[in-house]
C-alpha atoms as a PDB file:
ATOM      1  CA  GLU A   1      -0.022   0.097  -0.162  1.00  0.00           C
ATOM      2  CA  THR A   2       1.453   3.565  -1.106  1.00  0.00           C
ATOM      3  CA  ASN A   3       1.801   6.206   1.503  1.00  0.00           C
ATOM      4  CA  THR A   4      -0.034   9.194  -0.063  1.00  0.00           C
ATOM      5  CA  LEU A   5       0.667  11.608   3.181  1.00  0.00           C
ATOM      6  CA  PRO A   6       2.758  14.361   3.371  1.00  0.00           C
ATOM      7  CA  PHE A   7       6.805  13.145   4.592  1.00  0.00           C
ATOM      8  CA  HIS A   8       6.898  15.725   7.335  1.00  0.00           C
ATOM      9  CA  PRO A   9       9.414  17.843   8.009  1.00  0.00           C
ATOM     10  CA  PHE A  10      10.555  17.580   4.126  1.00  0.00           C
ATOM     11  CA  GLU A  11       7.241  18.096   2.525  1.00  0.00           C
ATOM     12  CA  MET A  12       5.185  21.425   3.015  1.00  0.00           C
ATOM     13  CA  GLN A  13       2.528  19.743   0.940  1.00  0.00           C
ATOM     14  CA  GLN A  14       1.926  16.180  -0.611  1.00  0.00           C
ATOM     15  CA  GLY A  15       4.640  15.280  -3.183  1.00  0.00           C
ATOM     16  CA  ASP A  16       7.031  17.932  -2.438  1.00  0.00           C
ATOM     17  CA  ILE A  17       9.913  15.800  -3.146  1.00  0.00           C
ATOM     18  CA  LEU A  18       8.780  14.052  -6.296  1.00  0.00           C
ATOM     19  CA  ARG A  19       7.753  17.415  -7.867  1.00  0.00           C
ATOM     20  CA  MET A  20      11.569  18.338  -6.766  1.00  0.00           C
ATOM     21  CA  GLU A  21      12.789  15.187  -8.515  1.00  0.00           C
ATOM     22  CA  LYS A  22      10.543  15.670 -11.372  1.00  0.00           C
ATOM     23  CA  GLU A  23      12.322  19.403 -11.658  1.00  0.00           C
ATOM     24  CA  HIS A  24      15.455  18.353 -11.128  1.00  0.00           C
ATOM     25  CA  GLN A  25      15.586  15.927 -14.233  1.00  0.00           C
ATOM     26  CA  VAL A  26      13.794  18.551 -16.504  1.00  0.00           C
ATOM     27  CA  LEU A  27      16.505  21.017 -15.446  1.00  0.00           C
ATOM     28  CA  LYS A  28      19.353  18.036 -16.365  1.00  0.00           C
ATOM     29  CA  GLU A  29      17.370  17.637 -19.752  1.00  0.00           C
ATOM     30  CA  GLN A  30      17.487  21.367 -20.490  1.00  0.00           C
ATOM     31  CA  LEU A  31      20.903  21.862 -19.433  1.00  0.00           C
ATOM     32  CA  LYS A  32      21.973  18.961 -22.042  1.00  0.00           C
ATOM     33  CA  GLU A  33      19.713  20.541 -24.877  1.00  0.00           C
ATOM     34  CA  ALA A  34      21.348  24.329 -23.868  1.00  0.00           C
ATOM     35  CA  GLN A  35      24.870  22.485 -24.350  1.00  0.00           C
ATOM     36  CA  GLU A  36      23.877  20.855 -27.571  1.00  0.00           C
ATOM     37  CA  LYS A  37      22.298  23.895 -28.830  1.00  0.00           C
ATOM     38  CA  TYR A  38      25.727  25.936 -28.025  1.00  0.00           C
ATOM     39  CA  GLU A  39      28.088  23.722 -29.803  1.00  0.00           C
ATOM     40  CA  GLN A  40      25.630  23.219 -32.686  1.00  0.00           C
ATOM     41  CA  LEU A  41      25.821  27.476 -32.876  1.00  0.00           C
ATOM     42  CA  GLU A  42      29.298  27.799 -32.048  1.00  0.00           C
ATOM     43  CA  SER A  43      30.387  25.060 -34.746  1.00  0.00           C
ATOM     44  CA  ARG A  44      27.373  27.142 -37.654  1.00  0.00           C
ATOM     45  CA  SER A  45      28.854  29.742 -36.696  1.00  0.00           C
ATOM     46  CA  LEU A  46      32.393  29.011 -37.106  1.00  0.00           C
ATOM     47  CA  GLU A  47      31.322  27.620 -40.336  1.00  0.00           C
ATOM     48  CA  GLU A  48      30.000  31.094 -41.072  1.00  0.00           C
ATOM     49  CA  ILE A  49      32.783  33.078 -40.410  1.00  0.00           C
ATOM     50  CA  GLY A  50      35.182  30.543 -42.104  1.00  0.00           C
ATOM     51  CA  ALA A  51      32.952  30.536 -45.206  1.00  0.00           C
ATOM     52  CA  LEU A  52      32.501  34.554 -44.954  1.00  0.00           C
ATOM     53  CA  LYS A  53      36.280  34.642 -44.836  1.00  0.00           C
ATOM     54  CA  GLU A  54      36.907  32.424 -47.423  1.00  0.00           C
ATOM     55  CA  LEU A  55      34.371  34.190 -49.485  1.00  0.00           C
ATOM     56  CA  LEU A  56      36.040  37.467 -48.799  1.00  0.00           C
ATOM     57  CA  LYS A  57      39.334  36.213 -49.445  1.00  0.00           C
ATOM     58  CA  LYS A  58      37.823  35.004 -52.755  1.00  0.00           C
ATOM     59  CA  SER A  59      36.230  37.884 -53.864  1.00  0.00           C
ATOM     60  CA  VAL A  60      39.507  40.254 -53.148  1.00  0.00           C
ATOM     61  CA  GLU A  61      41.222  37.731 -55.179  1.00  0.00           C
ATOM     62  CA  GLU A  62      39.080  37.480 -57.917  1.00  0.00           C
ATOM     63  CA  THR A  63      37.694  40.774 -58.519  1.00  0.00           C
ATOM     64  CA  GLU A  64      37.979  44.096 -57.045  1.00  0.00           C
ATOM     65  CA  VAL A  65      35.119  45.325 -55.293  1.00  0.00           C
ATOM     66  CA  SER A  66      34.059  48.775 -54.061  1.00  0.00           C
ATOM     67  CA  LYS A  67      34.827  49.778 -50.581  1.00  0.00           C
ATOM     68  CA  ASN A  68      31.058  49.983 -49.965  1.00  0.00           C
ATOM     69  CA  GLU A  69      30.797  46.243 -50.833  1.00  0.00           C
ATOM     70  CA  LEU A  70      33.611  45.694 -48.505  1.00  0.00           C
ATOM     71  CA  ASP A  71      32.170  47.561 -45.932  1.00  0.00           C
ATOM     72  CA  TRP A  72      29.051  46.155 -46.348  1.00  0.00           C
ATOM     73  CA  LEU A  73      30.331  42.579 -45.950  1.00  0.00           C
ATOM     74  CA  HIS A  74      32.616  44.149 -42.695  1.00  0.00           C
ATOM     75  CA  GLN A  75      29.713  45.231 -41.105  1.00  0.00           C
ATOM     76  CA  ASP A  76      27.405  42.165 -41.749  1.00  0.00           C
ATOM     77  CA  LEU A  77      30.608  40.037 -40.704  1.00  0.00           C
ATOM     78  CA  GLU A  78      30.497  42.406 -37.582  1.00  0.00           C
ATOM     79  CA  ILE A  79      26.822  42.127 -37.165  1.00  0.00           C
ATOM     80  CA  LYS A  80      26.767  38.370 -37.066  1.00  0.00           C
ATOM     81  CA  VAL A  81      29.790  38.165 -34.842  1.00  0.00           C
ATOM     82  CA  LYS A  82      28.249  40.396 -32.319  1.00  0.00           C
ATOM     83  CA  LYS A  83      24.960  38.483 -32.851  1.00  0.00           C
ATOM     84  CA  TRP A  84      26.707  34.980 -32.392  1.00  0.00           C
ATOM     85  CA  GLN A  85      28.916  36.481 -29.332  1.00  0.00           C
ATOM     86  CA  GLN A  86      25.724  37.599 -27.683  1.00  0.00           C
ATOM     87  CA  GLU A  87      23.756  34.633 -28.255  1.00  0.00           C
ATOM     88  CA  LYS A  88      27.028  32.700 -26.867  1.00  0.00           C
ATOM     89  CA  LYS A  89      27.026  34.993 -23.885  1.00  0.00           C
ATOM     90  CA  GLU A  90      22.947  34.046 -23.284  1.00  0.00           C
ATOM     91  CA  ASN A  91      23.805  30.696 -23.774  1.00  0.00           C
ATOM     92  CA  GLN A  92      26.674  30.725 -21.104  1.00  0.00           C
ATOM     93  CA  GLU A  93      24.275  32.684 -18.703  1.00  0.00           C
ATOM     94  CA  ASN A  94      21.555  30.459 -19.288  1.00  0.00           C
ATOM     95  CA  LEU A  95      23.714  27.469 -19.016  1.00  0.00           C
ATOM     96  CA  LYS A  96      25.339  28.706 -15.684  1.00  0.00           C
ATOM     97  CA  ALA A  97      22.281  29.476 -14.071  1.00  0.00           C
ATOM     98  CA  LEU A  98      21.011  25.913 -14.758  1.00  0.00           C
ATOM     99  CA  ARG A  99      24.346  24.591 -13.216  1.00  0.00           C
ATOM    100  CA  ASN A 100      23.298  26.792 -10.379  1.00  0.00           C
ATOM    101  CA  THR A 101      20.044  25.293 -10.077  1.00  0.00           C
ATOM    102  CA  ALA A 102      20.987  21.540 -10.564  1.00  0.00           C
ATOM    103  CA  LYS A 103      23.214  22.365  -7.754  1.00  0.00           C
ATOM    104  CA  LYS A 104      20.794  24.017  -5.549  1.00  0.00           C
ATOM    105  CA  HIS A 105      18.542  20.897  -6.104  1.00  0.00           C
ATOM    106  CA  THR A 106      21.616  18.394  -5.705  1.00  0.00           C
ATOM    107  CA  ASP A 107      22.139  19.972  -2.520  1.00  0.00           C
ATOM    108  CA  THR A 108      18.814  20.191  -1.611  1.00  0.00           C
ATOM    109  CA  ASN A 109      18.684  16.402  -2.046  1.00  0.00           C
ATOM    110  CA  ASP A 110      21.611  15.619  -0.085  1.00  0.00           C
ATOM    111  CA  ARG A 111      20.351  17.325   2.705  1.00  0.00           C
ATOM    112  CA  TYR A 112      17.486  15.655   2.923  1.00  0.00           C
ATOM    113  CA  SER A 113      19.146  12.153   2.306  1.00  0.00           C
ATOM    114  CA  LYS A 114      21.114  12.947   5.271  1.00  0.00           C
ATOM    115  CA  THR A 115      18.373  13.775   7.061  1.00  0.00           C
ATOM    116  CA  ILE A 116      16.455  10.838   6.449  1.00  0.00           C
ATOM    117  CA  ASP A 117      19.555   8.727   7.176  1.00  0.00           C
ATOM    118  CA  GLU A 118      19.573  10.422  10.910  1.00  0.00           C
ATOM    119  CA  LYS A 119      15.835   9.939  11.226  1.00  0.00           C
ATOM    120  CA  GLU A 120      16.366   6.216  10.135  1.00  0.00           C
ATOM    121  CA  LYS A 121      18.740   5.580  12.974  1.00  0.00           C
ATOM    122  CA  GLN A 122      16.832   7.405  15.443  1.00  0.00           C
ATOM    123  CA  TYR A 123      13.794   5.073  14.566  1.00  0.00           C
ATOM    124  CA  ASN A 124      16.095   2.153  14.737  1.00  0.00           C
ATOM    125  CA  THR A 125      17.433   3.246  18.160  1.00  0.00           C
ATOM    126  CA  TYR A 126      13.630   3.916  19.491  1.00  0.00           C
ATOM    127  CA  LEU A 127      12.922   0.236  18.011  1.00  0.00           C
ATOM    128  CA  ASN A 128      15.374  -1.272  19.503  1.00  0.00           C
ATOM    129  CA  THR A 129      14.610   0.328  23.019  1.00  0.00           C
ATOM    130  CA  TYR A 130      11.052  -0.778  22.473  1.00  0.00           C
ATOM    131  CA  LEU A 131      12.105  -4.459  21.681  1.00  0.00           C
ATOM    132  CA  GLU A 132      14.423  -4.619  24.704  1.00  0.00           C
ATOM    133  CA  THR A 133      11.877  -3.125  27.171  1.00  0.00           C
ATOM    134  CA  SER A 134       9.492  -5.262  25.729  1.00  0.00           C
ATOM    135  CA  ASN A 135      11.467  -8.449  26.162  1.00  0.00           C
ATOM    136  CA  LYS A 136      12.625  -7.188  29.712  1.00  0.00           C
ATOM    137  CA  LEU A 137       8.450  -6.614  30.484  1.00  0.00           C
ATOM    138  CA  ALA A 138       7.858 -10.293  29.262  1.00  0.00           C
ATOM    139  CA  ASN A 139      10.356 -11.697  31.431  1.00  0.00           C
ATOM    140  CA  GLU A 140       8.906 -10.006  34.392  1.00  0.00           C
ATOM    141  CA  LYS A 141       5.760 -11.351  33.261  1.00  0.00           C
ATOM    142  CA  VAL A 142       6.569 -14.673  33.690  1.00  0.00           C
ATOM    143  CA  LYS A 143       8.405 -14.625  36.668  1.00  0.00           C
ATOM    144  CA  LEU A 144       5.161 -12.452  38.207  1.00  0.00           C
ATOM    145  CA  GLU A 145       3.174 -15.267  37.094  1.00  0.00           C
ATOM    146  CA  GLU A 146       5.254 -17.863  38.703  1.00  0.00           C
ATOM    147  CA  LEU A 147       5.469 -16.258  42.005  1.00  0.00           C
ATOM    148  CA  ILE A 148       1.810 -15.727  41.712  1.00  0.00           C
ATOM    149  CA  LYS A 149       1.059 -19.189  41.268  1.00  0.00           C
ATOM    150  CA  LYS A 150       3.418 -20.423  43.852  1.00  0.00           C
ATOM    151  CA  SER A 151       1.562 -17.753  46.150  1.00  0.00           C
ATOM    152  CA  GLN A 152      -1.641 -19.434  45.111  1.00  0.00           C
ATOM    153  CA  ASP A 153      -0.397 -23.126  45.766  1.00  0.00           C
ATOM    154  CA  ASP A 154       1.378 -21.815  49.515  1.00  0.00           C
ATOM    155  CA  CYS A 155      -2.426 -20.263  50.071  1.00  0.00           C
ATOM    156  CA  GLN A 156      -4.326 -23.525  48.997  1.00  0.00           C
ATOM    157  CA  GLU A 157      -1.832 -25.391  51.406  1.00  0.00           C
ATOM    158  CA  CYS A 158      -2.341 -22.953  53.815  1.00  0.00           C
ATOM    159  CA  VAL A 159      -5.800 -23.292  53.967  1.00  0.00           C
ATOM    160  CA  LYS A 160      -5.941 -27.059  53.893  1.00  0.00           C
ATOM    161  CA  ARG A 161      -3.831 -26.903  57.088  1.00  0.00           C
ATOM    162  CA  ALA A 162      -5.965 -24.625  58.651  1.00  0.00           C
ATOM    163  CA  VAL A 163      -9.280 -26.440  57.537  1.00  0.00           C
ATOM    164  CA  LYS A 164      -7.563 -29.723  59.304  1.00  0.00           C
ATOM    165  CA  ALA A 165      -6.204 -27.703  62.204  1.00  0.00           C
ATOM    166  CA  GLU A 166      -9.917 -26.370  62.923  1.00  0.00           C
ATOM    167  CA  MET A 167     -11.354 -29.704  61.952  1.00  0.00           C
ATOM    168  CA  SER A 168      -8.909 -31.167  64.637  1.00  0.00           C
ATOM    169  CA  VAL A 169      -9.753 -28.890  67.573  1.00  0.00           C
ATOM    170  CA  LEU A 170     -13.514 -29.281  66.960  1.00  0.00           C
ATOM    171  CA  LYS A 171     -13.274 -32.889  67.236  1.00  0.00           C
ATOM    172  CA  ASN A 172     -11.139 -32.225  70.335  1.00  0.00           C
ATOM    173  CA  TRP A 173     -13.801 -30.389  71.522  1.00  0.00           C
ATOM    174  CA  LYS A 174     -16.593 -32.498  70.692  1.00  0.00           C
ATOM    175  CA  GLU A 175     -14.675 -35.426  72.273  1.00  0.00           C
ATOM    176  CA  THR A 176     -14.052 -33.409  75.534  1.00  0.00           C
ATOM    177  CA  GLU A 177     -17.605 -32.089  76.064  1.00  0.00           C
ATOM    178  CA  ALA A 178     -18.578 -35.889  75.400  1.00  0.00           C
ATOM    179  CA  CYS A 179     -16.336 -37.369  77.580  1.00  0.00           C
ATOM    180  CA  LYS A 180     -17.591 -34.703  80.128  1.00  0.00           C
ATOM    181  CA  LEU A 181     -21.160 -35.318  80.034  1.00  0.00           C
ATOM    182  CA  ASN A 182     -20.362 -39.098  79.574  1.00  0.00           C
ATOM    183  CA  GLY A 183     -18.667 -38.903  83.017  1.00  0.00           C
ATOM    184  CA  ILE A 184     -21.711 -37.352  84.536  1.00  0.00           C
ATOM    185  CA  ALA A 185     -24.490 -39.434  82.822  1.00  0.00           C
ATOM    186  CA  ALA A 186     -22.205 -42.710  83.892  1.00  0.00           C
ATOM    187  CA  ASN A 187     -22.081 -40.941  87.965  1.00  0.00           C
ATOM    188  CA  ALA A 188     -25.737 -40.309  87.764  1.00  0.00           C
ATOM    189  CA  GLU A 189     -26.160 -43.798  86.789  1.00  0.00           C
ATOM    190  CA  ALA A 190     -24.281 -45.634  89.163  1.00  0.00           C
ATOM    191  CA  ASN A 191     -26.135 -43.211  92.145  1.00  0.00           C
ATOM    192  CA  LEU A 192     -29.260 -44.280  90.724  1.00  0.00           C
ATOM    193  CA  ARG A 193     -28.245 -48.162  90.916  1.00  0.00           C
ATOM    194  CA  VAL A 194     -27.127 -47.432  94.216  1.00  0.00           C
ATOM    195  CA  LEU A 195     -30.421 -45.933  95.193  1.00  0.00           C
ATOM    196  CA  LYS A 196     -32.311 -48.879  93.332  1.00  0.00           C
ATOM    197  CA  SER A 197     -30.592 -51.284  95.398  1.00  0.00           C
ATOM    198  CA  ARG A 198     -31.596 -49.366  98.801  1.00  0.00           C
ATOM    199  CA  SER A 199     -35.267 -49.286  97.407  1.00  0.00           C
ATOM    200  CA  SER A 200     -35.554 -53.194  97.319  1.00  0.00           C
ATOM    201  CA  SER A 201     -36.671 -52.751 100.733  1.00  0.00           C
ATOM    202  CA  ALA A 202     -40.515 -52.137 101.035  1.00  0.00           C
ATOM    203  CA  SER A 203     -40.068 -49.419 103.632  1.00  0.00           C
ATOM    204  CA  ALA A 204     -37.736 -47.687 102.246  1.00  0.00           C
ATOM    205  CA  ALA A 205     -38.883 -47.902  98.509  1.00  0.00           C
ATOM    206  CA  PRO A 206     -41.089 -44.496  98.989  1.00  0.00           C
ATOM    207  CA  LYS A 207     -38.878 -42.451 100.313  1.00  0.00           C
ATOM    208  CA  LEU A 208     -36.079 -43.129  97.758  1.00  0.00           C
ATOM    209  CA  LYS A 209     -38.863 -43.216  94.649  1.00  0.00           C
ATOM    210  CA  SER A 210     -38.653 -39.319  94.493  1.00  0.00           C
ATOM    211  CA  GLN A 211     -34.837 -39.207  94.829  1.00  0.00           C
ATOM    212  CA  MET A 212     -34.668 -42.452  91.748  1.00  0.00           C
ATOM    213  CA  ASP A 213     -37.145 -40.223  89.855  1.00  0.00           C
ATOM    214  CA  SER A 214     -34.847 -37.082  89.995  1.00  0.00           C
ATOM    215  CA  TRP A 215     -31.752 -38.723  88.736  1.00  0.00           C
ATOM    216  CA  GLU A 216     -33.685 -40.494  85.943  1.00  0.00           C
ATOM    217  CA  ILE A 217     -34.348 -36.906  84.816  1.00  0.00           C
ATOM    218  CA  PHE A 218     -30.884 -35.920  85.456  1.00  0.00           C
ATOM    219  CA  ILE A 219     -29.482 -38.902  83.256  1.00  0.00           C
ATOM    220  CA  SER A 220     -31.821 -37.961  80.605  1.00  0.00           C
ATOM    221  CA  ASN A 221     -31.037 -34.779  80.408  1.00  0.00           C
ATOM    222  CA  VAL A 222     -27.394 -35.017  80.360  1.00  0.00           C
ATOM    223  CA  LYS A 223     -27.931 -37.536  77.375  1.00  0.00           C
ATOM    224  CA  LYS A 224     -29.924 -34.966  75.645  1.00  0.00           C
ATOM    225  CA  GLN A 225     -27.207 -32.784  75.969  1.00  0.00           C
ATOM    226  CA  LEU A 226     -24.924 -34.953  74.757  1.00  0.00           C
ATOM    227  CA  GLU A 227     -26.530 -35.703  71.436  1.00  0.00           C
ATOM    228  CA  LYS A 228     -27.073 -31.872  70.925  1.00  0.00           C
ATOM    229  CA  VAL A 229     -23.314 -31.157  71.591  1.00  0.00           C
ATOM    230  CA  GLU A 230     -22.486 -33.705  69.468  1.00  0.00           C
ATOM    231  CA  ALA A 231     -24.579 -32.849  66.830  1.00  0.00           C
ATOM    232  CA  GLU A 232     -23.791 -29.411  66.624  1.00  0.00           C
ATOM    233  CA  TYR A 233     -20.073 -30.075  67.068  1.00  0.00           C
ATOM    234  CA  GLU A 234     -20.451 -32.608  63.813  1.00  0.00           C
ATOM    235  CA  GLU A 235     -22.369 -29.487  61.825  1.00  0.00           C
ATOM    236  CA  LYS A 236     -19.584 -27.023  62.281  1.00  0.00           C
ATOM    237  CA  ILE A 237     -16.991 -29.988  60.967  1.00  0.00           C
ATOM    238  CA  GLN A 238     -19.299 -30.391  58.227  1.00  0.00           C
ATOM    239  CA  MET A 239     -19.379 -26.704  57.598  1.00  0.00           C
ATOM    240  CA  VAL A 240     -15.719 -26.262  58.034  1.00  0.00           C
ATOM    241  CA  GLU A 241     -15.031 -29.166  55.184  1.00  0.00           C
ATOM    242  CA  ASN A 242     -17.547 -27.638  53.130  1.00  0.00           C
ATOM    243  CA  GLY A 243     -15.417 -24.581  52.882  1.00  0.00           C
ATOM    244  CA  VAL A 244     -17.213 -22.282  55.636  1.00  0.00           C
ATOM    245  CA  ARG A 245     -14.849 -20.180  57.366  1.00  0.00           C
ATOM    246  CA  ASN A 246     -14.392 -18.572  61.171  1.00  0.00           C
ATOM    247  CA  CYS A 247     -16.620 -21.797  62.421  1.00  0.00           C
ATOM    248  CA  LEU A 248     -13.651 -22.398  65.241  1.00  0.00           C
ATOM    249  CA  ALA A 249     -16.077 -21.300  68.239  1.00  0.00           C
ATOM    250  CA  LYS A 250     -16.413 -23.171  71.419  1.00  0.00           C
ATOM    251  CA  MET A 251     -20.159 -24.350  72.317  1.00  0.00           C
ATOM    252  CA  GLU A 252     -21.547 -23.142  75.858  1.00  0.00           C
ATOM    253  CA  THR A 253     -22.848 -26.138  77.548  1.00  0.00           C
ATOM    254  CA  VAL A 254     -25.435 -25.493  80.315  1.00  0.00           C
ATOM    255  CA  ASP A 255     -23.961 -26.799  83.867  1.00  0.00           C
ATOM    256  CA  LEU A 256     -26.979 -29.230  85.094  1.00  0.00           C
ATOM    257  CA  PRO A 257     -27.675 -29.449  88.748  1.00  0.00           C
ATOM    258  CA  SER A 258     -27.055 -32.563  90.369  1.00  0.00           C
ATOM    259  CA  PRO A 259     -30.098 -33.754  92.269  1.00  0.00           C
END
């Protein structure tokens, strides 16, 4: 695709450089044509002068001419010589002007070529800097991506360890509370068995019945609280396994008064 935009800062308008190159070519052709014309004119003039001189010599040798005719010939010769000299002078001036114009355009072209070379060097410098920076950034990006991946892996590992730790703590609390409540229930059942053994006597049975009922209710409440504690801790453990955070809270248990 051809670029049709002006080439700043060398073109004020689109095509200035191309137009100057065409003008330079035209001037070269005009210079060549003027040189050829000058050589032809000089050759023709020299031939004419030679012919006139030969004619004058021949006329003098062959016949005697009148002074007027001789003066006329001299005048005509002088006119032609002056005309030839004037044309020669004009052609030399035109040739000089064309040479000056051609030199001016040549100097301009040289200056533009030098400026273009400098701009190309500057462009190559900027391009190399850009490529170097781009490669550096690409390398840094790869390093950052590796660090991010490592951080993500470390974070996932930390999360796994945290989940494992939370589950371990919750299971420990569950077992501790279960052990405590089981101990209370075992003691209560032992007391109930003692009361039942004493109630085998008919006289003591009515007195001990209310105590045995109280211990049975107490044992039932302890077992209900044990089931509740185990269920709630199991729920928290499942929540932690499913990714829920901030579940590490110890349950508040109600101290049941023994009968």
